[in-house]
Amino acid sequence: MSQLETEKCLNHPKFKQLTRARARFSLSFSLIIAVIYGVYVLGMSYAPDLMARPVTDGGTMTYGILLAMLGIINGIICSGIYTWWANRKFDVLNRELLKELGHE
């Protein structure tokens, strides 16, 4: 791709829309994952008794294990949603951009 084509792509409204949407979407999911992980780390640091307490009386599942499992499940769900959304929205915008730039 030549310098002129690169500048044309970078200044195209669809490219700007695509990059803004991707950044906003990925930042949102990164924050969700970071908050859950942060709660886990803070809980282990400042409330170890709570994190070691069983969820049910006589049970072996602790709040710490439960929160860790929820963090892993949250990461998997966020990855799945991002992939689904990217295939549904971002790929469409990308194809439209390439078509408008004459690269399809």
PDB file of N, CA and C in Angstrom:
ATOM      1  N   MET A   1       0.847  -1.163   0.000  1.00  0.00           N
ATOM      2  CA  MET A   1       0.000   0.000   0.000  1.00  0.00           C
ATOM      3  C   MET A   1       0.898   1.234   0.000  1.00  0.00           C
ATOM      4  N   SER A   2       0.615   2.148  -0.904  1.00  0.00           N
ATOM      5  CA  SER A   2       1.436   3.349  -1.006  1.00  0.00           C
ATOM      6  C   SER A   2       1.105   4.326   0.120  1.00  0.00           C
ATOM      7  N   GLN A   3       1.948   5.336   0.251  1.00  0.00           N
ATOM      8  CA  GLN A   3       1.744   6.360   1.280  1.00  0.00           C
ATOM      9  C   GLN A   3       0.411   7.072   1.070  1.00  0.00           C
ATOM     10  N   LEU A   4       0.064   7.345  -0.188  1.00  0.00           N
ATOM     11  CA  LEU A   4      -1.194   8.019  -0.505  1.00  0.00           C
ATOM     12  C   LEU A   4      -2.394   7.152  -0.111  1.00  0.00           C
ATOM     13  N   GLU A   5      -2.315   5.860  -0.425  1.00  0.00           N
ATOM     14  CA  GLU A   5      -3.400   4.947  -0.055  1.00  0.00           C
ATOM     15  C   GLU A   5      -3.528   4.819   1.464  1.00  0.00           C
ATOM     16  N   THR A   6      -2.394   4.803   2.136  1.00  0.00           N
ATOM     17  CA  THR A   6      -2.401   4.714   3.594  1.00  0.00           C
ATOM     18  C   THR A   6      -3.078   5.937   4.204  1.00  0.00           C
ATOM     19  N   GLU A   7      -2.721   7.117   3.723  1.00  0.00           N
ATOM     20  CA  GLU A   7      -3.333   8.345   4.232  1.00  0.00           C
ATOM     21  C   GLU A   7      -4.821   8.389   3.921  1.00  0.00           C
ATOM     22  N   LYS A   8      -5.192   7.926   2.736  1.00  0.00           N
ATOM     23  CA  LYS A   8      -6.599   7.886   2.346  1.00  0.00           C
ATOM     24  C   LYS A   8      -7.373   6.978   3.303  1.00  0.00           C
ATOM     25  N   CYS A   9      -6.793   5.849   3.640  1.00  0.00           N
ATOM     26  CA  CYS A   9      -7.427   4.904   4.567  1.00  0.00           C
ATOM     27  C   CYS A   9      -7.525   5.499   5.968  1.00  0.00           C
ATOM     28  N   LEU A  10      -6.434   6.072   6.461  1.00  0.00           N
ATOM     29  CA  LEU A  10      -6.412   6.622   7.815  1.00  0.00           C
ATOM     30  C   LEU A  10      -7.371   7.792   7.996  1.00  0.00           C
ATOM     31  N   ASN A  11      -7.635   8.535   6.924  1.00  0.00           N
ATOM     32  CA  ASN A  11      -8.527   9.690   6.999  1.00  0.00           C
ATOM     33  C   ASN A  11      -9.968   9.361   6.636  1.00  0.00           C
ATOM     34  N   HIS A  12     -10.230   8.130   6.260  1.00  0.00           N
ATOM     35  CA  HIS A  12     -11.583   7.736   5.849  1.00  0.00           C
ATOM     36  C   HIS A  12     -12.504   7.687   7.075  1.00  0.00           C
ATOM     37  N   PRO A  13     -13.724   8.220   6.967  1.00  0.00           N
ATOM     38  CA  PRO A  13     -14.651   8.213   8.110  1.00  0.00           C
ATOM     39  C   PRO A  13     -14.971   6.809   8.637  1.00  0.00           C
ATOM     40  N   LYS A  14     -15.071   5.827   7.754  1.00  0.00           N
ATOM     41  CA  LYS A  14     -15.362   4.456   8.205  1.00  0.00           C
ATOM     42  C   LYS A  14     -14.195   3.887   9.006  1.00  0.00           C
ATOM     43  N   PHE A  15     -12.970   4.225   8.614  1.00  0.00           N
ATOM     44  CA  PHE A  15     -11.805   3.755   9.362  1.00  0.00           C
ATOM     45  C   PHE A  15     -11.810   4.361  10.764  1.00  0.00           C
ATOM     46  N   LYS A  16     -12.107   5.649  10.837  1.00  0.00           N
ATOM     47  CA  LYS A  16     -12.162   6.309  12.144  1.00  0.00           C
ATOM     48  C   LYS A  16     -13.286   5.722  12.995  1.00  0.00           C
ATOM     49  N   GLN A  17     -14.428   5.453  12.375  1.00  0.00           N
ATOM     50  CA  GLN A  17     -15.547   4.839  13.090  1.00  0.00           C
ATOM     51  C   GLN A  17     -15.155   3.454  13.597  1.00  0.00           C
ATOM     52  N   LEU A  18     -14.494   2.683  12.750  1.00  0.00           N
ATOM     53  CA  LEU A  18     -14.076   1.331  13.113  1.00  0.00           C
ATOM     54  C   LEU A  18     -13.075   1.349  14.266  1.00  0.00           C
ATOM     55  N   THR A  19     -12.074   2.204  14.185  1.00  0.00           N
ATOM     56  CA  THR A  19     -11.059   2.237  15.244  1.00  0.00           C
ATOM     57  C   THR A  19     -11.640   2.739  16.563  1.00  0.00           C
ATOM     58  N   ARG A  20     -12.537   3.737  16.506  1.00  0.00           N
ATOM     59  CA  ARG A  20     -13.183   4.220  17.737  1.00  0.00           C
ATOM     60  C   ARG A  20     -14.045   3.131  18.364  1.00  0.00           C
ATOM     61  N   ALA A  21     -14.826   2.448  17.534  1.00  0.00           N
ATOM     62  CA  ALA A  21     -15.716   1.397  18.049  1.00  0.00           C
ATOM     63  C   ALA A  21     -14.908   0.254  18.659  1.00  0.00           C
ATOM     64  N   ARG A  22     -13.849  -0.162  17.982  1.00  0.00           N
ATOM     65  CA  ARG A  22     -13.005  -1.243  18.517  1.00  0.00           C
ATOM     66  C   ARG A  22     -12.368  -0.844  19.840  1.00  0.00           C
ATOM     67  N   ALA A  23     -11.839   0.362  19.883  1.00  0.00           N
ATOM     68  CA  ALA A  23     -11.171   0.820  21.104  1.00  0.00           C
ATOM     69  C   ALA A  23     -12.156   0.904  22.264  1.00  0.00           C
ATOM     70  N   ARG A  24     -13.319   1.473  22.020  1.00  0.00           N
ATOM     71  CA  ARG A  24     -14.331   1.615  23.069  1.00  0.00           C
ATOM     72  C   ARG A  24     -14.798   0.245  23.564  1.00  0.00           C
ATOM     73  N   PHE A  25     -15.041  -0.659  22.628  1.00  0.00           N
ATOM     74  CA  PHE A  25     -15.543  -1.986  22.978  1.00  0.00           C
ATOM     75  C   PHE A  25     -14.499  -2.786  23.754  1.00  0.00           C
ATOM     76  N   SER A  26     -13.265  -2.795  23.263  1.00  0.00           N
ATOM     77  CA  SER A  26     -12.227  -3.571  23.949  1.00  0.00           C
ATOM     78  C   SER A  26     -11.868  -2.950  25.301  1.00  0.00           C
ATOM     79  N   LEU A  27     -11.904  -1.631  25.404  1.00  0.00           N
ATOM     80  CA  LEU A  27     -11.636  -0.985  26.686  1.00  0.00           C
ATOM     81  C   LEU A  27     -12.710  -1.354  27.708  1.00  0.00           C
ATOM     82  N   SER A  28     -13.961  -1.391  27.270  1.00  0.00           N
ATOM     83  CA  SER A  28     -15.057  -1.765  28.175  1.00  0.00           C
ATOM     84  C   SER A  28     -14.847  -3.162  28.743  1.00  0.00           C
ATOM     85  N   PHE A  29     -14.529  -4.106  27.874  1.00  0.00           N
ATOM     86  CA  PHE A  29     -14.334  -5.475  28.343  1.00  0.00           C
ATOM     87  C   PHE A  29     -13.072  -5.602  29.184  1.00  0.00           C
ATOM     88  N   SER A  30     -12.041  -4.865  28.843  1.00  0.00           N
ATOM     89  CA  SER A  30     -10.820  -4.888  29.656  1.00  0.00           C
ATOM     90  C   SER A  30     -11.100  -4.373  31.061  1.00  0.00           C
ATOM     91  N   LEU A  31     -11.898  -3.324  31.156  1.00  0.00           N
ATOM     92  CA  LEU A  31     -12.243  -2.782  32.472  1.00  0.00           C
ATOM     93  C   LEU A  31     -13.073  -3.767  33.289  1.00  0.00           C
ATOM     94  N   ILE A  32     -14.013  -4.442  32.650  1.00  0.00           N
ATOM     95  CA  ILE A  32     -14.824  -5.436  33.356  1.00  0.00           C
ATOM     96  C   ILE A  32     -13.930  -6.529  33.933  1.00  0.00           C
ATOM     97  N   ILE A  33     -13.024  -7.043  33.114  1.00  0.00           N
ATOM     98  CA  ILE A  33     -12.127  -8.109  33.559  1.00  0.00           C
ATOM     99  C   ILE A  33     -11.190  -7.596  34.656  1.00  0.00           C
ATOM    100  N   ALA A  34     -10.669  -6.381  34.487  1.00  0.00           N
ATOM    101  CA  ALA A  34      -9.753  -5.820  35.482  1.00  0.00           C
ATOM    102  C   ALA A  34     -10.444  -5.584  36.822  1.00  0.00           C
ATOM    103  N   VAL A  35     -11.689  -5.135  36.794  1.00  0.00           N
ATOM    104  CA  VAL A  35     -12.417  -4.895  38.047  1.00  0.00           C
ATOM    105  C   VAL A  35     -12.624  -6.204  38.801  1.00  0.00           C
ATOM    106  N   ILE A  36     -13.048  -7.243  38.096  1.00  0.00           N
ATOM    107  CA  ILE A  36     -13.274  -8.525  38.770  1.00  0.00           C
ATOM    108  C   ILE A  36     -11.959  -9.085  39.315  1.00  0.00           C
ATOM    109  N   TYR A  37     -10.899  -9.000  38.524  1.00  0.00           N
ATOM    110  CA  TYR A  37      -9.600  -9.463  39.002  1.00  0.00           C
ATOM    111  C   TYR A  37      -9.132  -8.607  40.186  1.00  0.00           C
ATOM    112  N   GLY A  38      -9.353  -7.300  40.105  1.00  0.00           N
ATOM    113  CA  GLY A  38      -8.966  -6.403  41.191  1.00  0.00           C
ATOM    114  C   GLY A  38      -9.701  -6.702  42.483  1.00  0.00           C
ATOM    115  N   VAL A  39     -11.000  -7.002  42.374  1.00  0.00           N
ATOM    116  CA  VAL A  39     -11.778  -7.373  43.561  1.00  0.00           C
ATOM    117  C   VAL A  39     -11.197  -8.637  44.184  1.00  0.00           C
ATOM    118  N   TYR A  40     -10.816  -9.586  43.344  1.00  0.00           N
ATOM    119  CA  TYR A  40     -10.222 -10.828  43.847  1.00  0.00           C
ATOM    120  C   TYR A  40      -8.909 -10.538  44.587  1.00  0.00           C
ATOM    121  N   VAL A  41      -8.038  -9.772  43.976  1.00  0.00           N
ATOM    122  CA  VAL A  41      -6.743  -9.461  44.593  1.00  0.00           C
ATOM    123  C   VAL A  41      -6.936  -8.663  45.884  1.00  0.00           C
ATOM    124  N   LEU A  42      -7.809  -7.659  45.849  1.00  0.00           N
ATOM    125  CA  LEU A  42      -8.061  -6.876  47.061  1.00  0.00           C
ATOM    126  C   LEU A  42      -8.693  -7.734  48.154  1.00  0.00           C
ATOM    127  N   GLY A  43      -9.584  -8.620  47.759  1.00  0.00           N
ATOM    128  CA  GLY A  43     -10.194  -9.521  48.736  1.00  0.00           C
ATOM    129  C   GLY A  43      -9.167 -10.424  49.391  1.00  0.00           C
ATOM    130  N   MET A  44      -8.256 -10.955  48.596  1.00  0.00           N
ATOM    131  CA  MET A  44      -7.212 -11.821  49.152  1.00  0.00           C
ATOM    132  C   MET A  44      -6.261 -11.024  50.048  1.00  0.00           C
ATOM    133  N   SER A  45      -6.040  -9.760  49.710  1.00  0.00           N
ATOM    134  CA  SER A  45      -5.112  -8.934  50.485  1.00  0.00           C
ATOM    135  C   SER A  45      -5.728  -8.392  51.767  1.00  0.00           C
ATOM    136  N   TYR A  46      -6.946  -7.881  51.665  1.00  0.00           N
ATOM    137  CA  TYR A  46      -7.531  -7.156  52.791  1.00  0.00           C
ATOM    138  C   TYR A  46      -8.639  -7.906  53.527  1.00  0.00           C
ATOM    139  N   ALA A  47      -9.128  -8.987  52.952  1.00  0.00           N
ATOM    140  CA  ALA A  47     -10.188  -9.751  53.624  1.00  0.00           C
ATOM    141  C   ALA A  47      -9.928 -11.247  53.490  1.00  0.00           C
ATOM    142  N   PRO A  48      -8.743 -11.702  53.928  1.00  0.00           N
ATOM    143  CA  PRO A  48      -8.431 -13.124  53.758  1.00  0.00           C
ATOM    144  C   PRO A  48      -9.380 -14.045  54.528  1.00  0.00           C
ATOM    145  N   ASP A  49      -9.895 -13.566  55.665  1.00  0.00           N
ATOM    146  CA  ASP A  49     -10.846 -14.394  56.425  1.00  0.00           C
ATOM    147  C   ASP A  49     -12.136 -14.607  55.638  1.00  0.00           C
ATOM    148  N   LEU A  50     -12.609 -13.547  54.995  1.00  0.00           N
ATOM    149  CA  LEU A  50     -13.819 -13.670  54.180  1.00  0.00           C
ATOM    150  C   LEU A  50     -13.574 -14.587  52.982  1.00  0.00           C
ATOM    151  N   MET A  51     -12.435 -14.423  52.337  1.00  0.00           N
ATOM    152  CA  MET A  51     -12.138 -15.227  51.148  1.00  0.00           C
ATOM    153  C   MET A  51     -11.932 -16.700  51.509  1.00  0.00           C
ATOM    154  N   ALA A  52     -11.531 -16.973  52.749  1.00  0.00           N
ATOM    155  CA  ALA A  52     -11.322 -18.360  53.187  1.00  0.00           C
ATOM    156  C   ALA A  52     -12.586 -18.985  53.765  1.00  0.00           C
ATOM    157  N   ARG A  53     -13.601 -18.173  53.966  1.00  0.00           N
ATOM    158  CA  ARG A  53     -14.851 -18.671  54.561  1.00  0.00           C
ATOM    159  C   ARG A  53     -15.627 -19.503  53.539  1.00  0.00           C
ATOM    160  N   PRO A  54     -16.150 -20.658  53.958  1.00  0.00           N
ATOM    161  CA  PRO A  54     -16.960 -21.468  53.043  1.00  0.00           C
ATOM    162  C   PRO A  54     -18.253 -20.744  52.660  1.00  0.00           C
ATOM    163  N   VAL A  55     -18.697 -20.961  51.435  1.00  0.00           N
ATOM    164  CA  VAL A  55     -19.928 -20.346  50.947  1.00  0.00           C
ATOM    165  C   VAL A  55     -21.128 -20.890  51.715  1.00  0.00           C
ATOM    166  N   THR A  56     -21.125 -22.180  51.995  1.00  0.00           N
ATOM    167  CA  THR A  56     -22.199 -22.803  52.781  1.00  0.00           C
ATOM    168  C   THR A  56     -21.595 -23.437  54.030  1.00  0.00           C
ATOM    169  N   ASP A  57     -22.397 -23.556  55.062  1.00  0.00           N
ATOM    170  CA  ASP A  57     -21.919 -24.195  56.297  1.00  0.00           C
ATOM    171  C   ASP A  57     -21.506 -25.634  56.013  1.00  0.00           C
ATOM    172  N   GLY A  58     -20.294 -25.974  56.400  1.00  0.00           N
ATOM    173  CA  GLY A  58     -19.781 -27.323  56.206  1.00  0.00           C
ATOM    174  C   GLY A  58     -19.299 -27.600  54.793  1.00  0.00           C
ATOM    175  N   GLY A  59     -19.391 -26.618  53.915  1.00  0.00           N
ATOM    176  CA  GLY A  59     -18.959 -26.817  52.530  1.00  0.00           C
ATOM    177  C   GLY A  59     -17.472 -26.593  52.359  1.00  0.00           C
ATOM    178  N   THR A  60     -16.956 -27.000  51.228  1.00  0.00           N
ATOM    179  CA  THR A  60     -15.531 -26.826  50.941  1.00  0.00           C
ATOM    180  C   THR A  60     -15.278 -25.681  49.964  1.00  0.00           C
ATOM    181  N   MET A  61     -16.316 -25.216  49.292  1.00  0.00           N
ATOM    182  CA  MET A  61     -16.168 -24.108  48.341  1.00  0.00           C
ATOM    183  C   MET A  61     -16.096 -22.798  49.124  1.00  0.00           C
ATOM    184  N   THR A  62     -14.969 -22.084  48.981  1.00  0.00           N
ATOM    185  CA  THR A  62     -14.805 -20.816  49.687  1.00  0.00           C
ATOM    186  C   THR A  62     -15.162 -19.657  48.762  1.00  0.00           C
ATOM    187  N   TYR A  63     -15.344 -18.495  49.374  1.00  0.00           N
ATOM    188  CA  TYR A  63     -15.625 -17.300  48.579  1.00  0.00           C
ATOM    189  C   TYR A  63     -14.458 -16.969  47.644  1.00  0.00           C
ATOM    190  N   GLY A  64     -13.242 -17.227  48.081  1.00  0.00           N
ATOM    191  CA  GLY A  64     -12.071 -16.980  47.236  1.00  0.00           C
ATOM    192  C   GLY A  64     -12.074 -17.853  45.993  1.00  0.00           C
ATOM    193  N   ILE A  65     -12.363 -19.144  46.175  1.00  0.00           N
ATOM    194  CA  ILE A  65     -12.422 -20.058  45.029  1.00  0.00           C
ATOM    195  C   ILE A  65     -13.570 -19.664  44.109  1.00  0.00           C
ATOM    196  N   LEU A  66     -14.706 -19.315  44.702  1.00  0.00           N
ATOM    197  CA  LEU A  66     -15.869 -18.914  43.908  1.00  0.00           C
ATOM    198  C   LEU A  66     -15.561 -17.671  43.080  1.00  0.00           C
ATOM    199  N   LEU A  67     -14.933 -16.674  43.696  1.00  0.00           N
ATOM    200  CA  LEU A  67     -14.596 -15.447  42.975  1.00  0.00           C
ATOM    201  C   LEU A  67     -13.565 -15.720  41.877  1.00  0.00           C
ATOM    202  N   ALA A  68     -12.601 -16.590  42.146  1.00  0.00           N
ATOM    203  CA  ALA A  68     -11.614 -16.951  41.123  1.00  0.00           C
ATOM    204  C   ALA A  68     -12.286 -17.641  39.941  1.00  0.00           C
ATOM    205  N   MET A  69     -13.212 -18.553  40.240  1.00  0.00           N
ATOM    206  CA  MET A  69     -13.931 -19.240  39.162  1.00  0.00           C
ATOM    207  C   MET A  69     -14.791 -18.259  38.361  1.00  0.00           C
ATOM    208  N   LEU A  70     -15.433 -17.328  39.057  1.00  0.00           N
ATOM    209  CA  LEU A  70     -16.231 -16.318  38.362  1.00  0.00           C
ATOM    210  C   LEU A  70     -15.354 -15.439  37.470  1.00  0.00           C
ATOM    211  N   GLY A  71     -14.140 -15.139  37.925  1.00  0.00           N
ATOM    212  CA  GLY A  71     -13.215 -14.361  37.104  1.00  0.00           C
ATOM    213  C   GLY A  71     -12.835 -15.092  35.831  1.00  0.00           C
ATOM    214  N   ILE A  72     -12.581 -16.390  35.937  1.00  0.00           N
ATOM    215  CA  ILE A  72     -12.239 -17.195  34.756  1.00  0.00           C
ATOM    216  C   ILE A  72     -13.430 -17.283  33.815  1.00  0.00           C
ATOM    217  N   ILE A  73     -14.604 -17.563  34.375  1.00  0.00           N
ATOM    218  CA  ILE A  73     -15.811 -17.656  33.547  1.00  0.00           C
ATOM    219  C   ILE A  73     -16.108 -16.312  32.887  1.00  0.00           C
ATOM    220  N   ASN A  74     -15.929 -15.227  33.629  1.00  0.00           N
ATOM    221  CA  ASN A  74     -16.130 -13.891  33.071  1.00  0.00           C
ATOM    222  C   ASN A  74     -15.186 -13.638  31.896  1.00  0.00           C
ATOM    223  N   GLY A  75     -13.933 -14.039  32.025  1.00  0.00           N
ATOM    224  CA  GLY A  75     -12.980 -13.866  30.925  1.00  0.00           C
ATOM    225  C   GLY A  75     -13.391 -14.638  29.686  1.00  0.00           C
ATOM    226  N   ILE A  76     -13.873 -15.856  29.884  1.00  0.00           N
ATOM    227  CA  ILE A  76     -14.320 -16.676  28.756  1.00  0.00           C
ATOM    228  C   ILE A  76     -15.543 -16.046  28.096  1.00  0.00           C
ATOM    229  N   ILE A  77     -16.493 -15.610  28.911  1.00  0.00           N
ATOM    230  CA  ILE A  77     -17.707 -14.989  28.365  1.00  0.00           C
ATOM    231  C   ILE A  77     -17.372 -13.695  27.625  1.00  0.00           C
ATOM    232  N   CYS A  78     -16.531 -12.862  28.210  1.00  0.00           N
ATOM    233  CA  CYS A  78     -16.143 -11.609  27.552  1.00  0.00           C
ATOM    234  C   CYS A  78     -15.429 -11.878  26.233  1.00  0.00           C
ATOM    235  N   SER A  79     -14.564 -12.889  26.201  1.00  0.00           N
ATOM    236  CA  SER A  79     -13.875 -13.244  24.953  1.00  0.00           C
ATOM    237  C   SER A  79     -14.868 -13.705  23.900  1.00  0.00           C
ATOM    238  N   GLY A  80     -15.833 -14.519  24.308  1.00  0.00           N
ATOM    239  CA  GLY A  80     -16.850 -14.995  23.372  1.00  0.00           C
ATOM    240  C   GLY A  80     -17.708 -13.870  22.834  1.00  0.00           C
ATOM    241  N   ILE A  81     -18.132 -12.967  23.713  1.00  0.00           N
ATOM    242  CA  ILE A  81     -18.946 -11.830  23.275  1.00  0.00           C
ATOM    243  C   ILE A  81     -18.148 -10.936  22.340  1.00  0.00           C
ATOM    244  N   TYR A  82     -16.878 -10.686  22.680  1.00  0.00           N
ATOM    245  CA  TYR A  82     -16.056  -9.841  21.815  1.00  0.00           C
ATOM    246  C   TYR A  82     -15.900 -10.473  20.433  1.00  0.00           C
ATOM    247  N   THR A  83     -15.639 -11.768  20.388  1.00  0.00           N
ATOM    248  CA  THR A  83     -15.473 -12.454  19.105  1.00  0.00           C
ATOM    249  C   THR A  83     -16.757 -12.394  18.295  1.00  0.00           C
ATOM    250  N   TRP A  84     -17.881 -12.665  18.947  1.00  0.00           N
ATOM    251  CA  TRP A  84     -19.172 -12.620  18.260  1.00  0.00           C
ATOM    252  C   TRP A  84     -19.442 -11.217  17.725  1.00  0.00           C
ATOM    253  N   TRP A  85     -19.216 -10.198  18.563  1.00  0.00           N
ATOM    254  CA  TRP A  85     -19.475  -8.819  18.173  1.00  0.00           C
ATOM    255  C   TRP A  85     -18.528  -8.382  17.055  1.00  0.00           C
ATOM    256  N   ALA A  86     -17.271  -8.767  17.167  1.00  0.00           N
ATOM    257  CA  ALA A  86     -16.295  -8.393  16.137  1.00  0.00           C
ATOM    258  C   ALA A  86     -16.676  -9.002  14.797  1.00  0.00           C
ATOM    259  N   ASN A  87     -17.081 -10.256  14.801  1.00  0.00           N
ATOM    260  CA  ASN A  87     -17.488 -10.898  13.551  1.00  0.00           C
ATOM    261  C   ASN A  87     -18.761 -10.274  12.998  1.00  0.00           C
ATOM    262  N   ARG A  88     -19.633  -9.826  13.859  1.00  0.00           N
ATOM    263  CA  ARG A  88     -20.928  -9.297  13.440  1.00  0.00           C
ATOM    264  C   ARG A  88     -20.845  -7.833  13.014  1.00  0.00           C
ATOM    265  N   LYS A  89     -20.068  -7.026  13.709  1.00  0.00           N
ATOM    266  CA  LYS A  89     -20.036  -5.582  13.460  1.00  0.00           C
ATOM    267  C   LYS A  89     -18.733  -5.103  12.822  1.00  0.00           C
ATOM    268  N   PHE A  90     -17.608  -5.450  13.459  1.00  0.00           N
ATOM    269  CA  PHE A  90     -16.340  -4.900  13.000  1.00  0.00           C
ATOM    270  C   PHE A  90     -15.945  -5.435  11.631  1.00  0.00           C
ATOM    271  N   ASP A  91     -16.191  -6.714  11.384  1.00  0.00           N
ATOM    272  CA  ASP A  91     -15.850  -7.278  10.078  1.00  0.00           C
ATOM    273  C   ASP A  91     -16.688  -6.656   8.971  1.00  0.00           C
ATOM    274  N   VAL A  92     -17.940  -6.340   9.273  1.00  0.00           N
ATOM    275  CA  VAL A  92     -18.802  -5.684   8.286  1.00  0.00           C
ATOM    276  C   VAL A  92     -18.252  -4.302   7.959  1.00  0.00           C
ATOM    277  N   LEU A  93     -17.903  -3.533   8.987  1.00  0.00           N
ATOM    278  CA  LEU A  93     -17.312  -2.210   8.762  1.00  0.00           C
ATOM    279  C   LEU A  93     -16.004  -2.313   7.989  1.00  0.00           C
ATOM    280  N   ASN A  94     -15.205  -3.312   8.312  1.00  0.00           N
ATOM    281  CA  ASN A  94     -13.931  -3.508   7.629  1.00  0.00           C
ATOM    282  C   ASN A  94     -14.143  -3.812   6.145  1.00  0.00           C
ATOM    283  N   ARG A  95     -15.100  -4.691   5.842  1.00  0.00           N
ATOM    284  CA  ARG A  95     -15.398  -5.009   4.436  1.00  0.00           C
ATOM    285  C   ARG A  95     -15.916  -3.783   3.689  1.00  0.00           C
ATOM    286  N   GLU A  96     -16.791  -3.004   4.335  1.00  0.00           N
ATOM    287  CA  GLU A  96     -17.306  -1.787   3.706  1.00  0.00           C
ATOM    288  C   GLU A  96     -16.177  -0.809   3.419  1.00  0.00           C
ATOM    289  N   LEU A  97     -15.265  -0.662   4.369  1.00  0.00           N
ATOM    290  CA  LEU A  97     -14.126   0.235   4.184  1.00  0.00           C
ATOM    291  C   LEU A  97     -13.269  -0.220   3.011  1.00  0.00           C
ATOM    292  N   LEU A  98     -12.933  -1.512   2.980  1.00  0.00           N
ATOM    293  CA  LEU A  98     -12.113  -2.031   1.883  1.00  0.00           C
ATOM    294  C   LEU A  98     -12.812  -1.856   0.539  1.00  0.00           C
ATOM    295  N   LYS A  99     -14.112  -2.055   0.508  1.00  0.00           N
ATOM    296  CA  LYS A  99     -14.873  -1.895  -0.734  1.00  0.00           C
ATOM    297  C   LYS A  99     -14.836  -0.441  -1.199  1.00  0.00           C
ATOM    298  N   GLU A 100     -15.035   0.488  -0.266  1.00  0.00           N
ATOM    299  CA  GLU A 100     -15.008   1.911  -0.616  1.00  0.00           C
ATOM    300  C   GLU A 100     -13.620   2.366  -1.050  1.00  0.00           C
ATOM    301  N   LEU A 101     -12.593   1.722  -0.524  1.00  0.00           N
ATOM    302  CA  LEU A 101     -11.224   2.078  -0.912  1.00  0.00           C
ATOM    303  C   LEU A 101     -10.774   1.340  -2.167  1.00  0.00           C
ATOM    304  N   GLY A 102     -11.613   0.424  -2.656  1.00  0.00           N
ATOM    305  CA  GLY A 102     -11.286  -0.312  -3.878  1.00  0.00           C
ATOM    306  C   GLY A 102     -10.327  -1.460  -3.676  1.00  0.00           C
ATOM    307  N   HIS A 103     -10.327  -2.065  -2.498  1.00  0.00           N
ATOM    308  CA  HIS A 103      -9.412  -3.178  -2.208  1.00  0.00           C
ATOM    309  C   HIS A 103     -10.140  -4.493  -2.002  1.00  0.00           C
ATOM    310  N   GLU A 104     -11.326  -4.620  -2.561  1.00  0.00           N
ATOM    311  CA  GLU A 104     -12.056  -5.873  -2.376  1.00  0.00           C
ATOM    312  C   GLU A 104     -11.916  -6.756  -3.584  1.00  0.00           C
TER     313      GLU A 104
END
